[in-house]
Amino acid sequence: MTDMKIPKMGMSTVEVDVIKWHVAVGDKVQAGQVLVEIESEKATMEMEAEVSGTVTEILVSEGDITTVGTVVCRIEPTA
């Protein structure tokens, strides 16, 4: 299982807003595919899958505010 965590977005960024999910639980994804859009005070970025596999859990909802390092979803890698 691969935990997808909110990446560091800048020196002072601690909190980010979850703007839009591009995947749902059960979706098959490829490494590099956009999973979710997140936004800090200064920038919006697309968070990409680190591995190919199946999304097994989404742990935060659109509109949630979360922190850098928080696990937002889990992917079961393809064997």
N, C-alpha and C. Protein backbone atom coordinates (compact mmCIF):
# COMPACT_ATOMS: atom_id res chain seq x y z
N MET A 1 0.85 -1.18 0.00
CA MET A 1 0.00 0.00 0.00
C MET A 1 0.90 1.24 0.00
N THR A 2 0.58 2.18 -0.85
CA THR A 2 1.33 3.43 -0.93
C THR A 2 0.47 4.56 -0.40
N ASP A 3 0.97 5.25 0.62
CA ASP A 3 0.29 6.42 1.18
C ASP A 3 0.68 7.65 0.36
N MET A 4 -0.31 8.35 -0.16
CA MET A 4 -0.05 9.58 -0.89
C MET A 4 -0.21 10.73 0.10
N LYS A 5 0.86 11.48 0.32
CA LYS A 5 0.89 12.55 1.32
C LYS A 5 0.99 13.92 0.66
N ILE A 6 0.40 14.91 1.33
CA ILE A 6 0.50 16.30 0.85
C ILE A 6 1.98 16.69 0.85
N PRO A 7 2.49 17.09 -0.32
CA PRO A 7 3.91 17.47 -0.38
C PRO A 7 4.15 18.86 0.18
N LYS A 8 5.39 19.12 0.51
CA LYS A 8 5.78 20.47 0.93
C LYS A 8 5.67 21.39 -0.28
N MET A 9 5.00 22.53 -0.11
CA MET A 9 4.75 23.43 -1.24
C MET A 9 5.55 24.72 -1.16
N GLY A 10 6.24 24.93 -0.08
CA GLY A 10 7.03 26.16 0.08
C GLY A 10 7.58 26.19 1.48
N MET A 11 8.46 27.13 1.74
CA MET A 11 9.12 27.21 3.03
C MET A 11 8.14 27.42 4.18
N SER A 12 7.10 28.24 3.96
CA SER A 12 6.22 28.59 5.07
C SER A 12 4.84 27.93 5.00
N THR A 13 4.59 27.17 3.94
CA THR A 13 3.27 26.56 3.78
C THR A 13 3.08 25.42 4.76
N VAL A 14 2.01 25.48 5.53
CA VAL A 14 1.66 24.41 6.48
C VAL A 14 0.32 23.81 6.12
N GLU A 15 -0.65 24.66 5.79
CA GLU A 15 -1.99 24.19 5.48
C GLU A 15 -2.29 24.33 3.98
N VAL A 16 -3.08 23.38 3.46
CA VAL A 16 -3.53 23.44 2.07
C VAL A 16 -5.02 23.10 2.03
N ASP A 17 -5.68 23.63 1.01
CA ASP A 17 -7.08 23.31 0.75
C ASP A 17 -7.15 22.22 -0.31
N VAL A 18 -8.03 21.25 -0.10
CA VAL A 18 -8.29 20.21 -1.09
C VAL A 18 -9.36 20.77 -2.02
N ILE A 19 -8.99 21.02 -3.28
CA ILE A 19 -9.87 21.70 -4.22
C ILE A 19 -10.74 20.72 -5.01
N LYS A 20 -10.12 19.73 -5.69
CA LYS A 20 -10.89 18.84 -6.56
C LYS A 20 -10.20 17.49 -6.72
N TRP A 21 -10.94 16.43 -6.46
CA TRP A 21 -10.46 15.08 -6.73
C TRP A 21 -10.70 14.73 -8.20
N HIS A 22 -9.70 14.08 -8.81
CA HIS A 22 -9.82 13.63 -10.20
C HIS A 22 -9.99 12.12 -10.25
N VAL A 23 -9.98 11.45 -9.10
CA VAL A 23 -10.14 10.00 -9.02
C VAL A 23 -11.13 9.67 -7.91
N ALA A 24 -11.58 8.42 -7.92
CA ALA A 24 -12.48 7.91 -6.87
C ALA A 24 -11.96 6.57 -6.40
N VAL A 25 -12.44 6.12 -5.24
CA VAL A 25 -12.07 4.80 -4.74
C VAL A 25 -12.45 3.76 -5.80
N GLY A 26 -11.50 2.85 -6.06
CA GLY A 26 -11.72 1.80 -7.06
C GLY A 26 -11.13 2.12 -8.41
N ASP A 27 -10.78 3.40 -8.65
CA ASP A 27 -10.18 3.77 -9.93
C ASP A 27 -8.78 3.21 -10.06
N LYS A 28 -8.45 2.78 -11.27
CA LYS A 28 -7.08 2.38 -11.59
C LYS A 28 -6.34 3.63 -12.08
N VAL A 29 -5.14 3.83 -11.56
CA VAL A 29 -4.35 5.01 -11.92
C VAL A 29 -2.96 4.60 -12.39
N GLN A 30 -2.35 5.47 -13.16
CA GLN A 30 -0.99 5.28 -13.63
C GLN A 30 -0.07 6.25 -12.90
N ALA A 31 1.17 5.85 -12.66
CA ALA A 31 2.15 6.76 -12.05
C ALA A 31 2.19 8.04 -12.89
N GLY A 32 2.12 9.18 -12.21
CA GLY A 32 2.15 10.47 -12.88
C GLY A 32 0.77 11.03 -13.19
N GLN A 33 -0.28 10.23 -13.00
CA GLN A 33 -1.65 10.69 -13.24
C GLN A 33 -2.07 11.64 -12.12
N VAL A 34 -2.78 12.69 -12.48
CA VAL A 34 -3.26 13.66 -11.48
C VAL A 34 -4.32 13.01 -10.61
N LEU A 35 -4.13 13.10 -9.29
CA LEU A 35 -5.09 12.57 -8.33
C LEU A 35 -6.01 13.65 -7.80
N VAL A 36 -5.40 14.78 -7.39
CA VAL A 36 -6.16 15.81 -6.69
C VAL A 36 -5.48 17.17 -6.89
N GLU A 37 -6.29 18.23 -6.89
CA GLU A 37 -5.76 19.59 -6.92
C GLU A 37 -5.77 20.12 -5.50
N ILE A 38 -4.66 20.73 -5.10
CA ILE A 38 -4.56 21.34 -3.77
C ILE A 38 -4.09 22.77 -3.93
N GLU A 39 -4.40 23.59 -2.92
CA GLU A 39 -4.08 25.01 -3.01
C GLU A 39 -3.56 25.52 -1.68
N SER A 40 -2.46 26.28 -1.74
CA SER A 40 -1.95 26.98 -0.55
C SER A 40 -2.27 28.45 -0.71
N GLU A 41 -1.77 29.27 0.19
CA GLU A 41 -1.98 30.72 0.08
C GLU A 41 -1.41 31.27 -1.22
N LYS A 42 -0.35 30.64 -1.71
CA LYS A 42 0.39 31.22 -2.82
C LYS A 42 0.27 30.47 -4.14
N ALA A 43 -0.16 29.20 -4.11
CA ALA A 43 -0.13 28.42 -5.35
C ALA A 43 -1.16 27.30 -5.33
N THR A 44 -1.56 26.93 -6.55
CA THR A 44 -2.39 25.74 -6.74
C THR A 44 -1.52 24.72 -7.45
N MET A 45 -1.62 23.46 -7.03
CA MET A 45 -0.83 22.43 -7.69
C MET A 45 -1.63 21.15 -7.83
N GLU A 46 -1.23 20.33 -8.78
CA GLU A 46 -1.82 19.03 -8.99
C GLU A 46 -0.92 17.99 -8.35
N MET A 47 -1.51 17.15 -7.52
CA MET A 47 -0.77 16.07 -6.87
C MET A 47 -0.92 14.82 -7.73
N GLU A 48 0.21 14.20 -8.07
CA GLU A 48 0.20 13.06 -8.98
C GLU A 48 0.47 11.75 -8.24
N ALA A 49 -0.03 10.66 -8.82
CA ALA A 49 0.21 9.33 -8.27
C ALA A 49 1.70 9.00 -8.36
N GLU A 50 2.24 8.44 -7.29
CA GLU A 50 3.65 8.03 -7.28
C GLU A 50 3.82 6.64 -7.87
N VAL A 51 2.75 5.85 -7.87
CA VAL A 51 2.79 4.47 -8.37
C VAL A 51 1.54 4.21 -9.20
N SER A 52 1.61 3.17 -10.04
CA SER A 52 0.42 2.69 -10.75
C SER A 52 -0.29 1.69 -9.86
N GLY A 53 -1.63 1.71 -9.89
CA GLY A 53 -2.38 0.78 -9.07
C GLY A 53 -3.83 1.19 -8.95
N THR A 54 -4.47 0.76 -7.86
CA THR A 54 -5.88 1.04 -7.62
C THR A 54 -6.03 1.90 -6.37
N VAL A 55 -6.83 2.96 -6.48
CA VAL A 55 -7.13 3.82 -5.33
C VAL A 55 -8.01 3.01 -4.37
N THR A 56 -7.53 2.80 -3.15
CA THR A 56 -8.29 2.01 -2.18
C THR A 56 -8.98 2.85 -1.12
N GLU A 57 -8.45 4.05 -0.85
CA GLU A 57 -9.05 4.93 0.16
C GLU A 57 -8.79 6.38 -0.22
N ILE A 58 -9.79 7.23 0.01
CA ILE A 58 -9.63 8.68 -0.05
C ILE A 58 -9.96 9.18 1.34
N LEU A 59 -8.99 9.83 1.98
CA LEU A 59 -9.09 10.17 3.40
C LEU A 59 -9.47 11.62 3.69
N VAL A 60 -9.48 12.46 2.67
CA VAL A 60 -9.92 13.85 2.83
C VAL A 60 -10.90 14.18 1.72
N SER A 61 -11.80 15.10 2.00
CA SER A 61 -12.84 15.47 1.03
C SER A 61 -12.53 16.81 0.38
N GLU A 62 -13.15 17.05 -0.78
CA GLU A 62 -13.05 18.36 -1.41
C GLU A 62 -13.55 19.40 -0.41
N GLY A 63 -12.83 20.50 -0.31
CA GLY A 63 -13.21 21.57 0.62
C GLY A 63 -12.52 21.47 1.97
N ASP A 64 -11.91 20.30 2.26
CA ASP A 64 -11.20 20.14 3.53
C ASP A 64 -9.91 20.96 3.52
N ILE A 65 -9.51 21.40 4.70
CA ILE A 65 -8.20 22.03 4.91
C ILE A 65 -7.36 20.99 5.65
N THR A 66 -6.17 20.73 5.14
CA THR A 66 -5.30 19.73 5.76
C THR A 66 -3.88 20.28 5.80
N THR A 67 -2.95 19.50 6.32
CA THR A 67 -1.58 19.98 6.50
C THR A 67 -0.59 19.17 5.68
N VAL A 68 0.55 19.79 5.42
CA VAL A 68 1.65 19.13 4.71
C VAL A 68 2.00 17.83 5.46
N GLY A 69 2.16 16.75 4.70
CA GLY A 69 2.51 15.45 5.27
C GLY A 69 1.31 14.57 5.58
N THR A 70 0.10 15.11 5.50
CA THR A 70 -1.11 14.32 5.76
C THR A 70 -1.34 13.33 4.62
N VAL A 71 -1.69 12.09 4.97
CA VAL A 71 -2.06 11.09 3.96
C VAL A 71 -3.45 11.45 3.45
N VAL A 72 -3.57 11.65 2.12
CA VAL A 72 -4.86 12.01 1.54
C VAL A 72 -5.54 10.84 0.84
N CYS A 73 -4.74 9.89 0.38
CA CYS A 73 -5.32 8.68 -0.22
C CYS A 73 -4.28 7.57 -0.21
N ARG A 74 -4.79 6.36 -0.46
CA ARG A 74 -3.92 5.18 -0.52
C ARG A 74 -4.11 4.48 -1.85
N ILE A 75 -3.01 3.97 -2.39
CA ILE A 75 -3.03 3.25 -3.66
C ILE A 75 -2.41 1.87 -3.44
N GLU A 76 -3.13 0.84 -3.89
CA GLU A 76 -2.59 -0.53 -3.89
C GLU A 76 -1.84 -0.69 -5.21
N PRO A 77 -0.51 -0.80 -5.14
CA PRO A 77 0.28 -0.88 -6.39
C PRO A 77 -0.07 -2.11 -7.22
N THR A 78 0.04 -1.96 -8.53
CA THR A 78 -0.15 -3.07 -9.44
C THR A 78 1.05 -3.99 -9.34
N ALA A 79 0.77 -5.28 -9.26
CA ALA A 79 1.86 -6.27 -9.12
C ALA A 79 2.55 -6.51 -10.44
